[in-house]
Amino acid sequence: MEESKLDPRVLRTRQLIMDAFRALVMQKDIKDITVGDITGRAKINRATFYAHFADKYALLDSTFEGMFREGIMQKLQCHAEFSRQSLTGIIETLCEFHREFSTQCQKNYDSMGPYMEVKIKQMLQEVLFHLMDKRDGGPHAGFDAETARTGATMLAWSLFGITHAWNAGGRKLSPEELAAHALTSLAQSIGKLAGAAVTV
């Protein structure tokens, strides 16, 4: 059943659990957070928790994905397609995520690094592939599905790496400046490899 069709009380309970978890992640290392901590903060019982999530790691997946998708949707218009503007929005979202998570949840930013990287890259690949699918009114920005999927994967890894390095390096550029610099560099590099000018 889609979440939008669930009873509003169910949705409110899920949100209470996720909010409690987010608050705890800012205070404790994920490995030290227990289901009891979460239920106590959310003021629910354990049975209610397990009616929504198999364990704290399932909750982590849901919370993490929700936070990231929410950030992406705030930057992209509902009819966004693959373009320099949409890529700029994605880079700005990644910058904000790295900055907020590393400052508010330092322990978890470090300890969850590998998990976080895998999840973000997976979500980015799907977002980019979806944007390509809407480009120029045709499927996959004029590419076949396999080529578009490969391109989305390459871009996902590149954008994550660029923004991670930006955060680790002290955030010397604004997210907007980073996006402009990164996309120009990317277009020029692709153009040289292809032997022709390429724009994104």
N, C-alpha and C. Protein backbone atom coordinates (compact mmCIF):
# COMPACT_ATOMS: atom_id res chain seq x y z
N MET A 1 0.84 -1.19 0.00
CA MET A 1 0.00 0.00 0.00
C MET A 1 0.88 1.25 0.00
N GLU A 2 0.56 2.21 -0.85
CA GLU A 2 1.34 3.43 -0.89
C GLU A 2 1.16 4.23 0.38
N GLU A 3 2.26 4.89 0.80
CA GLU A 3 2.21 5.63 2.05
C GLU A 3 1.13 6.69 2.04
N SER A 4 0.89 7.32 0.85
CA SER A 4 -0.10 8.39 0.76
C SER A 4 -1.51 7.90 1.03
N LYS A 5 -1.72 6.57 0.88
CA LYS A 5 -3.05 6.01 1.11
C LYS A 5 -3.22 5.47 2.51
N LEU A 6 -2.20 5.55 3.33
CA LEU A 6 -2.30 5.04 4.68
C LEU A 6 -3.12 5.96 5.56
N ASP A 7 -3.62 5.40 6.64
CA ASP A 7 -4.36 6.17 7.63
C ASP A 7 -3.47 7.30 8.15
N PRO A 8 -4.01 8.52 8.28
CA PRO A 8 -3.21 9.64 8.79
C PRO A 8 -2.56 9.36 10.14
N ARG A 9 -3.22 8.56 10.96
CA ARG A 9 -2.64 8.22 12.27
C ARG A 9 -1.38 7.38 12.11
N VAL A 10 -1.40 6.50 11.11
CA VAL A 10 -0.22 5.68 10.83
C VAL A 10 0.93 6.56 10.36
N LEU A 11 0.61 7.50 9.48
CA LEU A 11 1.63 8.41 8.98
C LEU A 11 2.21 9.27 10.10
N ARG A 12 1.35 9.73 11.00
CA ARG A 12 1.83 10.54 12.13
C ARG A 12 2.75 9.73 13.03
N THR A 13 2.39 8.47 13.26
CA THR A 13 3.23 7.62 14.11
C THR A 13 4.60 7.39 13.47
N ARG A 14 4.59 7.10 12.16
CA ARG A 14 5.86 6.92 11.46
C ARG A 14 6.71 8.18 11.55
N GLN A 15 6.07 9.33 11.42
CA GLN A 15 6.82 10.58 11.48
C GLN A 15 7.37 10.81 12.88
N LEU A 16 6.61 10.45 13.91
CA LEU A 16 7.09 10.56 15.29
C LEU A 16 8.35 9.72 15.49
N ILE A 17 8.32 8.50 14.96
CA ILE A 17 9.47 7.59 15.09
C ILE A 17 10.68 8.16 14.37
N MET A 18 10.46 8.64 13.15
CA MET A 18 11.57 9.17 12.36
C MET A 18 12.14 10.45 12.97
N ASP A 19 11.27 11.30 13.50
CA ASP A 19 11.74 12.52 14.15
C ASP A 19 12.57 12.19 15.39
N ALA A 20 12.11 11.21 16.16
CA ALA A 20 12.85 10.80 17.36
C ALA A 20 14.22 10.26 16.97
N PHE A 21 14.25 9.49 15.91
CA PHE A 21 15.51 8.91 15.44
C PHE A 21 16.47 10.00 14.98
N ARG A 22 15.97 10.96 14.22
CA ARG A 22 16.82 12.06 13.74
C ARG A 22 17.44 12.82 14.92
N ALA A 23 16.63 13.06 15.95
CA ALA A 23 17.13 13.78 17.12
C ALA A 23 18.21 12.98 17.83
N LEU A 24 18.03 11.68 17.94
CA LEU A 24 19.00 10.83 18.62
C LEU A 24 20.31 10.73 17.84
N VAL A 25 20.21 10.69 16.50
CA VAL A 25 21.41 10.60 15.66
C VAL A 25 22.31 11.82 15.87
N MET A 26 21.73 12.94 16.22
CA MET A 26 22.51 14.15 16.47
C MET A 26 23.25 14.09 17.81
N GLN A 27 22.84 13.15 18.67
CA GLN A 27 23.40 13.08 20.02
C GLN A 27 24.29 11.86 20.26
N LYS A 28 23.99 10.76 19.55
CA LYS A 28 24.67 9.50 19.83
C LYS A 28 25.13 8.83 18.55
N ASP A 29 26.15 8.00 18.67
CA ASP A 29 26.59 7.18 17.55
C ASP A 29 25.48 6.17 17.24
N ILE A 30 25.25 5.91 15.96
CA ILE A 30 24.17 5.02 15.54
C ILE A 30 24.26 3.66 16.22
N LYS A 31 25.47 3.15 16.42
CA LYS A 31 25.61 1.82 17.03
C LYS A 31 25.17 1.80 18.48
N ASP A 32 25.12 2.97 19.12
CA ASP A 32 24.73 3.05 20.53
C ASP A 32 23.25 3.37 20.71
N ILE A 33 22.54 3.65 19.63
CA ILE A 33 21.12 3.96 19.72
C ILE A 33 20.33 2.65 19.74
N THR A 34 19.45 2.52 20.71
CA THR A 34 18.64 1.30 20.83
C THR A 34 17.19 1.59 20.45
N VAL A 35 16.46 0.53 20.19
CA VAL A 35 15.02 0.69 19.92
C VAL A 35 14.34 1.31 21.13
N GLY A 36 14.81 0.98 22.32
CA GLY A 36 14.26 1.58 23.53
C GLY A 36 14.47 3.08 23.56
N ASP A 37 15.63 3.54 23.12
CA ASP A 37 15.88 4.98 23.05
C ASP A 37 14.87 5.65 22.12
N ILE A 38 14.63 5.00 20.99
CA ILE A 38 13.74 5.58 19.98
C ILE A 38 12.30 5.61 20.48
N THR A 39 11.84 4.49 21.04
CA THR A 39 10.46 4.44 21.51
C THR A 39 10.24 5.38 22.70
N GLY A 40 11.25 5.50 23.54
CA GLY A 40 11.13 6.41 24.67
C GLY A 40 10.99 7.85 24.22
N ARG A 41 11.79 8.24 23.25
CA ARG A 41 11.73 9.62 22.77
C ARG A 41 10.44 9.88 21.99
N ALA A 42 9.99 8.87 21.23
CA ALA A 42 8.77 9.03 20.45
C ALA A 42 7.51 8.83 21.29
N LYS A 43 7.70 8.32 22.52
CA LYS A 43 6.57 8.06 23.44
C LYS A 43 5.59 7.04 22.84
N ILE A 44 6.17 5.94 22.36
CA ILE A 44 5.36 4.83 21.85
C ILE A 44 5.92 3.54 22.46
N ASN A 45 5.20 2.43 22.29
CA ASN A 45 5.72 1.16 22.81
C ASN A 45 6.48 0.40 21.71
N ARG A 46 7.18 -0.64 22.11
CA ARG A 46 8.02 -1.39 21.17
C ARG A 46 7.19 -2.07 20.08
N ALA A 47 6.00 -2.54 20.45
CA ALA A 47 5.14 -3.19 19.46
C ALA A 47 4.77 -2.22 18.34
N THR A 48 4.52 -0.98 18.71
CA THR A 48 4.19 0.03 17.71
C THR A 48 5.38 0.28 16.79
N PHE A 49 6.58 0.34 17.38
CA PHE A 49 7.78 0.53 16.57
C PHE A 49 7.90 -0.59 15.54
N TYR A 50 7.79 -1.85 16.00
CA TYR A 50 8.00 -2.99 15.12
C TYR A 50 6.86 -3.18 14.11
N ALA A 51 5.75 -2.51 14.35
CA ALA A 51 4.67 -2.52 13.36
C ALA A 51 5.04 -1.67 12.14
N HIS A 52 6.01 -0.79 12.33
CA HIS A 52 6.43 0.12 11.26
C HIS A 52 7.79 -0.22 10.68
N PHE A 53 8.71 -0.71 11.52
CA PHE A 53 10.08 -0.97 11.08
C PHE A 53 10.59 -2.29 11.65
N ALA A 54 11.34 -3.02 10.83
CA ALA A 54 11.87 -4.31 11.29
C ALA A 54 12.91 -4.13 12.39
N ASP A 55 13.72 -3.08 12.28
CA ASP A 55 14.75 -2.78 13.28
C ASP A 55 15.24 -1.35 13.05
N LYS A 56 16.25 -0.94 13.81
CA LYS A 56 16.71 0.45 13.70
C LYS A 56 17.40 0.71 12.36
N TYR A 57 17.89 -0.34 11.72
CA TYR A 57 18.56 -0.16 10.43
C TYR A 57 17.54 0.05 9.31
N ALA A 58 16.39 -0.59 9.41
CA ALA A 58 15.31 -0.33 8.46
C ALA A 58 14.82 1.11 8.64
N LEU A 59 14.76 1.56 9.89
CA LEU A 59 14.39 2.94 10.18
C LEU A 59 15.45 3.90 9.62
N LEU A 60 16.71 3.54 9.77
CA LEU A 60 17.79 4.35 9.23
C LEU A 60 17.64 4.51 7.72
N ASP A 61 17.38 3.41 7.02
CA ASP A 61 17.20 3.46 5.57
C ASP A 61 16.07 4.41 5.19
N SER A 62 14.94 4.25 5.85
CA SER A 62 13.77 5.06 5.53
C SER A 62 14.01 6.53 5.83
N THR A 63 14.60 6.82 6.98
CA THR A 63 14.86 8.20 7.37
C THR A 63 15.86 8.85 6.45
N PHE A 64 16.93 8.14 6.16
CA PHE A 64 18.00 8.66 5.32
C PHE A 64 17.48 8.95 3.92
N GLU A 65 16.74 8.00 3.36
CA GLU A 65 16.20 8.20 2.01
C GLU A 65 15.21 9.35 1.98
N GLY A 66 14.36 9.44 3.01
CA GLY A 66 13.39 10.52 3.08
C GLY A 66 14.05 11.89 3.14
N MET A 67 15.08 12.02 3.96
CA MET A 67 15.80 13.29 4.09
C MET A 67 16.41 13.71 2.75
N PHE A 68 17.05 12.75 2.08
CA PHE A 68 17.74 13.07 0.83
C PHE A 68 16.74 13.41 -0.27
N ARG A 69 15.70 12.61 -0.41
CA ARG A 69 14.71 12.88 -1.45
C ARG A 69 13.99 14.20 -1.20
N GLU A 70 13.74 14.51 0.05
CA GLU A 70 13.10 15.78 0.38
C GLU A 70 13.97 16.95 -0.04
N GLY A 71 15.27 16.83 0.21
CA GLY A 71 16.20 17.88 -0.19
C GLY A 71 16.26 18.04 -1.70
N ILE A 72 16.28 16.91 -2.42
CA ILE A 72 16.32 16.96 -3.88
C ILE A 72 15.06 17.61 -4.44
N MET A 73 13.90 17.21 -3.93
CA MET A 73 12.64 17.73 -4.45
C MET A 73 12.48 19.22 -4.19
N GLN A 74 13.08 19.72 -3.12
CA GLN A 74 13.02 21.15 -2.85
C GLN A 74 13.82 21.95 -3.87
N LYS A 75 14.84 21.31 -4.44
CA LYS A 75 15.70 21.98 -5.42
C LYS A 75 15.20 21.83 -6.86
N LEU A 76 14.53 20.72 -7.14
CA LEU A 76 14.10 20.43 -8.50
C LEU A 76 12.61 20.69 -8.66
N GLN A 77 12.24 21.26 -9.79
CA GLN A 77 10.83 21.44 -10.09
C GLN A 77 10.22 20.11 -10.46
N CYS A 78 8.91 20.01 -10.32
CA CYS A 78 8.25 18.72 -10.56
C CYS A 78 8.42 18.25 -12.01
N HIS A 79 8.62 19.18 -12.94
CA HIS A 79 8.80 18.80 -14.34
C HIS A 79 10.25 18.94 -14.77
N ALA A 80 11.17 18.90 -13.82
CA ALA A 80 12.59 19.07 -14.14
C ALA A 80 13.08 17.95 -15.06
N GLU A 81 14.01 18.31 -15.94
CA GLU A 81 14.64 17.32 -16.81
C GLU A 81 16.15 17.48 -16.69
N PHE A 82 16.86 16.63 -17.37
CA PHE A 82 18.32 16.64 -17.30
C PHE A 82 18.86 17.92 -17.93
N SER A 83 19.45 18.79 -17.13
CA SER A 83 19.94 20.08 -17.61
C SER A 83 20.98 20.61 -16.63
N ARG A 84 21.64 21.67 -17.02
CA ARG A 84 22.60 22.31 -16.12
C ARG A 84 21.91 22.79 -14.85
N GLN A 85 20.69 23.29 -14.98
CA GLN A 85 19.94 23.78 -13.82
C GLN A 85 19.63 22.66 -12.84
N SER A 86 19.19 21.52 -13.36
CA SER A 86 18.86 20.41 -12.44
C SER A 86 20.11 19.84 -11.80
N LEU A 87 21.21 19.76 -12.55
CA LEU A 87 22.46 19.27 -11.97
C LEU A 87 22.98 20.24 -10.91
N THR A 88 22.79 21.53 -11.13
CA THR A 88 23.17 22.53 -10.12
C THR A 88 22.38 22.30 -8.84
N GLY A 89 21.08 22.05 -8.97
CA GLY A 89 20.25 21.78 -7.80
C GLY A 89 20.70 20.55 -7.04
N ILE A 90 21.09 19.53 -7.76
CA ILE A 90 21.58 18.30 -7.12
C ILE A 90 22.88 18.56 -6.37
N ILE A 91 23.80 19.28 -6.98
CA ILE A 91 25.07 19.59 -6.32
C ILE A 91 24.83 20.41 -5.06
N GLU A 92 23.96 21.39 -5.13
CA GLU A 92 23.65 22.23 -3.95
C GLU A 92 23.03 21.39 -2.85
N THR A 93 22.16 20.44 -3.21
CA THR A 93 21.55 19.55 -2.22
C THR A 93 22.60 18.69 -1.54
N LEU A 94 23.52 18.14 -2.32
CA LEU A 94 24.60 17.32 -1.76
C LEU A 94 25.48 18.15 -0.83
N CYS A 95 25.79 19.37 -1.22
CA CYS A 95 26.60 20.25 -0.37
C CYS A 95 25.92 20.49 0.97
N GLU A 96 24.62 20.79 0.92
CA GLU A 96 23.87 21.05 2.14
C GLU A 96 23.83 19.80 3.02
N PHE A 97 23.65 18.64 2.39
CA PHE A 97 23.61 17.39 3.15
C PHE A 97 24.93 17.15 3.86
N HIS A 98 26.04 17.23 3.13
CA HIS A 98 27.36 17.01 3.73
C HIS A 98 27.62 18.01 4.86
N ARG A 99 27.31 19.26 4.62
CA ARG A 99 27.58 20.30 5.62
C ARG A 99 26.77 20.07 6.89
N GLU A 100 25.48 19.85 6.74
CA GLU A 100 24.62 19.68 7.91
C GLU A 100 24.93 18.39 8.66
N PHE A 101 25.09 17.31 7.93
CA PHE A 101 25.33 16.02 8.59
C PHE A 101 26.68 16.00 9.29
N SER A 102 27.70 16.59 8.66
CA SER A 102 29.04 16.56 9.26
C SER A 102 29.17 17.50 10.45
N THR A 103 28.36 18.54 10.50
CA THR A 103 28.45 19.48 11.63
C THR A 103 27.51 19.08 12.77
N GLN A 104 26.33 18.58 12.44
CA GLN A 104 25.35 18.24 13.47
C GLN A 104 25.51 16.81 13.99
N CYS A 105 26.06 15.93 13.16
CA CYS A 105 26.17 14.52 13.53
C CYS A 105 27.58 14.02 13.22
N GLN A 106 28.59 14.65 13.80
CA GLN A 106 29.98 14.36 13.45
C GLN A 106 30.33 12.89 13.60
N LYS A 107 29.97 12.28 14.73
CA LYS A 107 30.31 10.88 14.95
C LYS A 107 29.69 9.98 13.88
N ASN A 108 28.43 10.21 13.58
CA ASN A 108 27.75 9.37 12.61
C ASN A 108 28.19 9.67 11.18
N TYR A 109 28.58 10.89 10.91
CA TYR A 109 29.08 11.24 9.58
C TYR A 109 30.34 10.42 9.27
N ASP A 110 31.19 10.28 10.28
CA ASP A 110 32.42 9.51 10.10
C ASP A 110 32.15 8.01 10.08
N SER A 111 31.38 7.53 11.06
CA SER A 111 31.17 6.08 11.18
C SER A 111 30.26 5.53 10.09
N MET A 112 29.33 6.35 9.60
CA MET A 112 28.39 5.89 8.58
C MET A 112 28.84 6.24 7.17
N GLY A 113 30.07 6.73 7.03
CA GLY A 113 30.57 7.17 5.74
C GLY A 113 30.35 6.18 4.60
N PRO A 114 30.82 4.93 4.73
CA PRO A 114 30.65 3.97 3.64
C PRO A 114 29.18 3.69 3.31
N TYR A 115 28.36 3.51 4.35
CA TYR A 115 26.93 3.28 4.13
C TYR A 115 26.30 4.47 3.44
N MET A 116 26.59 5.66 3.93
CA MET A 116 26.03 6.89 3.40
C MET A 116 26.39 7.05 1.92
N GLU A 117 27.63 6.77 1.59
CA GLU A 117 28.10 6.93 0.21
C GLU A 117 27.35 5.99 -0.73
N VAL A 118 27.19 4.73 -0.33
CA VAL A 118 26.49 3.76 -1.17
C VAL A 118 25.04 4.18 -1.39
N LYS A 119 24.35 4.57 -0.31
CA LYS A 119 22.94 4.93 -0.42
C LYS A 119 22.75 6.17 -1.29
N ILE A 120 23.57 7.18 -1.08
CA ILE A 120 23.42 8.42 -1.85
C ILE A 120 23.68 8.16 -3.33
N LYS A 121 24.72 7.40 -3.63
CA LYS A 121 25.01 7.10 -5.03
C LYS A 121 23.86 6.34 -5.69
N GLN A 122 23.28 5.41 -4.96
CA GLN A 122 22.15 4.66 -5.51
C GLN A 122 20.98 5.58 -5.80
N MET A 123 20.66 6.46 -4.87
CA MET A 123 19.55 7.38 -5.06
C MET A 123 19.83 8.38 -6.17
N LEU A 124 21.08 8.86 -6.23
CA LEU A 124 21.46 9.79 -7.29
C LEU A 124 21.33 9.16 -8.66
N GLN A 125 21.75 7.92 -8.79
CA GLN A 125 21.65 7.22 -10.07
C GLN A 125 20.21 7.19 -10.55
N GLU A 126 19.28 6.90 -9.63
CA GLU A 126 17.88 6.82 -10.02
C GLU A 126 17.33 8.20 -10.38
N VAL A 127 17.70 9.22 -9.61
CA VAL A 127 17.24 10.58 -9.90
C VAL A 127 17.75 11.04 -11.26
N LEU A 128 19.03 10.83 -11.52
CA LEU A 128 19.63 11.26 -12.78
C LEU A 128 19.04 10.49 -13.97
N PHE A 129 18.84 9.21 -13.81
CA PHE A 129 18.24 8.40 -14.87
C PHE A 129 16.83 8.90 -15.17
N HIS A 130 16.09 9.22 -14.12
CA HIS A 130 14.72 9.74 -14.28
C HIS A 130 14.74 11.08 -15.01
N LEU A 131 15.69 11.96 -14.66
CA LEU A 131 15.80 13.25 -15.34
C LEU A 131 16.15 13.07 -16.82
N MET A 132 17.04 12.13 -17.10
CA MET A 132 17.41 11.85 -18.49
C MET A 132 16.20 11.36 -19.28
N ASP A 133 15.36 10.59 -18.62
CA ASP A 133 14.19 10.01 -19.27
C ASP A 133 13.21 11.08 -19.73
N LYS A 134 13.27 12.28 -19.12
CA LYS A 134 12.34 13.36 -19.44
C LYS A 134 12.95 14.39 -20.37
N ARG A 135 14.22 14.22 -20.74
CA ARG A 135 14.92 15.20 -21.57
C ARG A 135 14.43 15.18 -23.02
N ASP A 136 14.15 16.36 -23.56
CA ASP A 136 13.80 16.53 -24.98
C ASP A 136 12.58 15.72 -25.41
N GLY A 137 11.72 15.40 -24.48
CA GLY A 137 10.49 14.70 -24.82
C GLY A 137 10.68 13.25 -25.25
N GLY A 138 11.92 12.75 -25.13
CA GLY A 138 12.19 11.37 -25.54
C GLY A 138 12.85 10.61 -24.43
N PRO A 139 12.92 9.30 -24.53
CA PRO A 139 13.52 8.49 -23.46
C PRO A 139 15.02 8.69 -23.32
N HIS A 140 15.46 8.84 -22.09
CA HIS A 140 16.88 8.81 -21.73
C HIS A 140 17.74 9.86 -22.44
N ALA A 141 17.20 11.06 -22.63
CA ALA A 141 17.95 12.17 -23.22
C ALA A 141 18.55 11.80 -24.57
N GLY A 142 17.83 10.98 -25.33
CA GLY A 142 18.30 10.61 -26.66
C GLY A 142 19.23 9.42 -26.68
N PHE A 143 19.56 8.88 -25.51
CA PHE A 143 20.43 7.71 -25.43
C PHE A 143 19.59 6.45 -25.26
N ASP A 144 20.16 5.31 -25.58
CA ASP A 144 19.49 4.06 -25.24
C ASP A 144 19.58 3.89 -23.72
N ALA A 145 18.74 3.01 -23.18
CA ALA A 145 18.63 2.87 -21.73
C ALA A 145 19.95 2.49 -21.08
N GLU A 146 20.70 1.60 -21.70
CA GLU A 146 21.97 1.15 -21.11
C GLU A 146 22.98 2.30 -21.04
N THR A 147 23.06 3.10 -22.10
CA THR A 147 23.98 4.24 -22.12
C THR A 147 23.56 5.27 -21.08
N ALA A 148 22.25 5.53 -21.00
CA ALA A 148 21.75 6.49 -20.01
C ALA A 148 22.04 6.01 -18.60
N ARG A 149 21.87 4.72 -18.35
CA ARG A 149 22.13 4.17 -17.01
C ARG A 149 23.61 4.30 -16.66
N THR A 150 24.49 4.04 -17.63
CA THR A 150 25.92 4.18 -17.40
C THR A 150 26.28 5.64 -17.13
N GLY A 151 25.69 6.55 -17.90
CA GLY A 151 25.94 7.97 -17.69
C GLY A 151 25.46 8.43 -16.32
N ALA A 152 24.30 7.95 -15.90
CA ALA A 152 23.77 8.32 -14.59
C ALA A 152 24.68 7.83 -13.47
N THR A 153 25.22 6.62 -13.65
CA THR A 153 26.13 6.07 -12.64
C THR A 153 27.41 6.89 -12.55
N MET A 154 27.99 7.23 -13.70
CA MET A 154 29.22 8.02 -13.72
C MET A 154 29.00 9.39 -13.07
N LEU A 155 27.88 10.02 -13.41
CA LEU A 155 27.59 11.34 -12.84
C LEU A 155 27.35 11.25 -11.33
N ALA A 156 26.62 10.22 -10.90
CA ALA A 156 26.34 10.06 -9.47
C ALA A 156 27.63 9.97 -8.67
N TRP A 157 28.55 9.16 -9.14
CA TRP A 157 29.83 9.00 -8.44
C TRP A 157 30.62 10.30 -8.47
N SER A 158 30.61 10.98 -9.62
CA SER A 158 31.35 12.24 -9.74
C SER A 158 30.80 13.32 -8.82
N LEU A 159 29.48 13.48 -8.82
CA LEU A 159 28.87 14.53 -8.01
C LEU A 159 29.04 14.27 -6.52
N PHE A 160 28.93 13.00 -6.13
CA PHE A 160 29.17 12.69 -4.72
C PHE A 160 30.61 13.01 -4.36
N GLY A 161 31.56 12.60 -5.19
CA GLY A 161 32.98 12.84 -4.91
C GLY A 161 33.33 14.30 -4.84
N ILE A 162 32.78 15.08 -5.75
CA ILE A 162 33.05 16.53 -5.78
C ILE A 162 32.56 17.20 -4.51
N THR A 163 31.35 16.86 -4.09
CA THR A 163 30.78 17.52 -2.91
C THR A 163 31.39 17.00 -1.61
N HIS A 164 31.77 15.73 -1.59
CA HIS A 164 32.44 15.19 -0.40
C HIS A 164 33.79 15.87 -0.22
N ALA A 165 34.53 16.02 -1.32
CA ALA A 165 35.83 16.69 -1.26
C ALA A 165 35.68 18.16 -0.87
N TRP A 166 34.63 18.79 -1.36
CA TRP A 166 34.33 20.19 -1.00
C TRP A 166 34.14 20.33 0.50
N ASN A 167 33.39 19.42 1.09
CA ASN A 167 33.13 19.47 2.53
C ASN A 167 34.40 19.19 3.32
N ALA A 168 35.13 18.15 2.92
CA ALA A 168 36.36 17.78 3.61
C ALA A 168 37.43 18.86 3.49
N GLY A 169 37.40 19.60 2.40
CA GLY A 169 38.40 20.63 2.16
C GLY A 169 38.09 21.98 2.77
N GLY A 170 37.05 22.05 3.57
CA GLY A 170 36.75 23.30 4.28
C GLY A 170 35.73 24.20 3.62
N ARG A 171 35.05 23.72 2.57
CA ARG A 171 33.96 24.48 1.93
C ARG A 171 34.41 25.87 1.51
N LYS A 172 35.46 25.96 0.76
CA LYS A 172 36.04 27.25 0.38
C LYS A 172 35.19 27.99 -0.66
N LEU A 173 34.39 27.26 -1.41
CA LEU A 173 33.47 27.87 -2.36
C LEU A 173 32.05 27.74 -1.83
N SER A 174 31.16 28.61 -2.26
CA SER A 174 29.75 28.43 -1.94
C SER A 174 29.24 27.26 -2.77
N PRO A 175 28.13 26.63 -2.37
CA PRO A 175 27.57 25.54 -3.18
C PRO A 175 27.30 25.97 -4.62
N GLU A 176 26.83 27.22 -4.79
CA GLU A 176 26.55 27.73 -6.13
C GLU A 176 27.83 27.85 -6.96
N GLU A 177 28.89 28.34 -6.33
CA GLU A 177 30.17 28.47 -7.02
C GLU A 177 30.75 27.10 -7.36
N LEU A 178 30.62 26.17 -6.43
CA LEU A 178 31.11 24.82 -6.67
C LEU A 178 30.38 24.20 -7.86
N ALA A 179 29.05 24.35 -7.90
CA ALA A 179 28.26 23.79 -8.99
C ALA A 179 28.70 24.37 -10.33
N ALA A 180 28.86 25.68 -10.38
CA ALA A 180 29.27 26.33 -11.64
C ALA A 180 30.63 25.82 -12.10
N HIS A 181 31.57 25.77 -11.17
CA HIS A 181 32.93 25.32 -11.49
C HIS A 181 32.93 23.85 -11.90
N ALA A 182 32.23 23.02 -11.14
CA ALA A 182 32.23 21.58 -11.40
C ALA A 182 31.60 21.25 -12.75
N LEU A 183 30.48 21.89 -13.06
CA LEU A 183 29.78 21.57 -14.30
C LEU A 183 30.53 22.09 -15.53
N THR A 184 31.16 23.23 -15.37
CA THR A 184 31.99 23.74 -16.47
C THR A 184 33.18 22.81 -16.71
N SER A 185 33.84 22.38 -15.64
CA SER A 185 34.97 21.47 -15.76
C SER A 185 34.53 20.14 -16.37
N LEU A 186 33.38 19.66 -15.94
CA LEU A 186 32.86 18.39 -16.45
C LEU A 186 32.58 18.47 -17.94
N ALA A 187 31.91 19.56 -18.36
CA ALA A 187 31.58 19.73 -19.77
C ALA A 187 32.84 19.83 -20.63
N GLN A 188 33.82 20.58 -20.15
CA GLN A 188 35.07 20.73 -20.90
C GLN A 188 35.82 19.41 -20.99
N SER A 189 35.84 18.66 -19.91
CA SER A 189 36.54 17.37 -19.91
C SER A 189 35.88 16.39 -20.87
N ILE A 190 34.55 16.33 -20.84
CA ILE A 190 33.83 15.43 -21.74
C ILE A 190 34.04 15.87 -23.19
N GLY A 191 34.03 17.19 -23.41
CA GLY A 191 34.25 17.70 -24.75
C GLY A 191 35.60 17.31 -25.30
N LYS A 192 36.63 17.38 -24.49
CA LYS A 192 37.96 17.01 -24.94
C LYS A 192 38.06 15.52 -25.21
N LEU A 193 37.41 14.72 -24.36
CA LEU A 193 37.43 13.28 -24.58
C LEU A 193 36.70 12.91 -25.86
N ALA A 194 35.62 13.64 -26.12
CA ALA A 194 34.80 13.33 -27.30
C ALA A 194 35.35 13.99 -28.55
N GLY A 195 36.27 14.93 -28.36
CA GLY A 195 36.84 15.63 -29.51
C GLY A 195 35.94 16.71 -30.05
N ALA A 196 34.98 17.14 -29.20
CA ALA A 196 34.06 18.20 -29.62
C ALA A 196 33.53 18.89 -28.38
N ALA A 197 33.01 20.10 -28.57
CA ALA A 197 32.45 20.86 -27.45
C ALA A 197 31.14 20.20 -27.01
N VAL A 198 31.00 20.06 -25.69
CA VAL A 198 29.80 19.47 -25.12
C VAL A 198 29.28 20.39 -24.05
N THR A 199 27.98 20.62 -23.98
CA THR A 199 27.41 21.47 -22.96
C THR A 199 26.45 20.68 -22.11
N VAL A 200 26.38 21.06 -20.81
CA VAL A 200 25.40 20.46 -19.91
C VAL A 200 24.67 21.56 -19.21
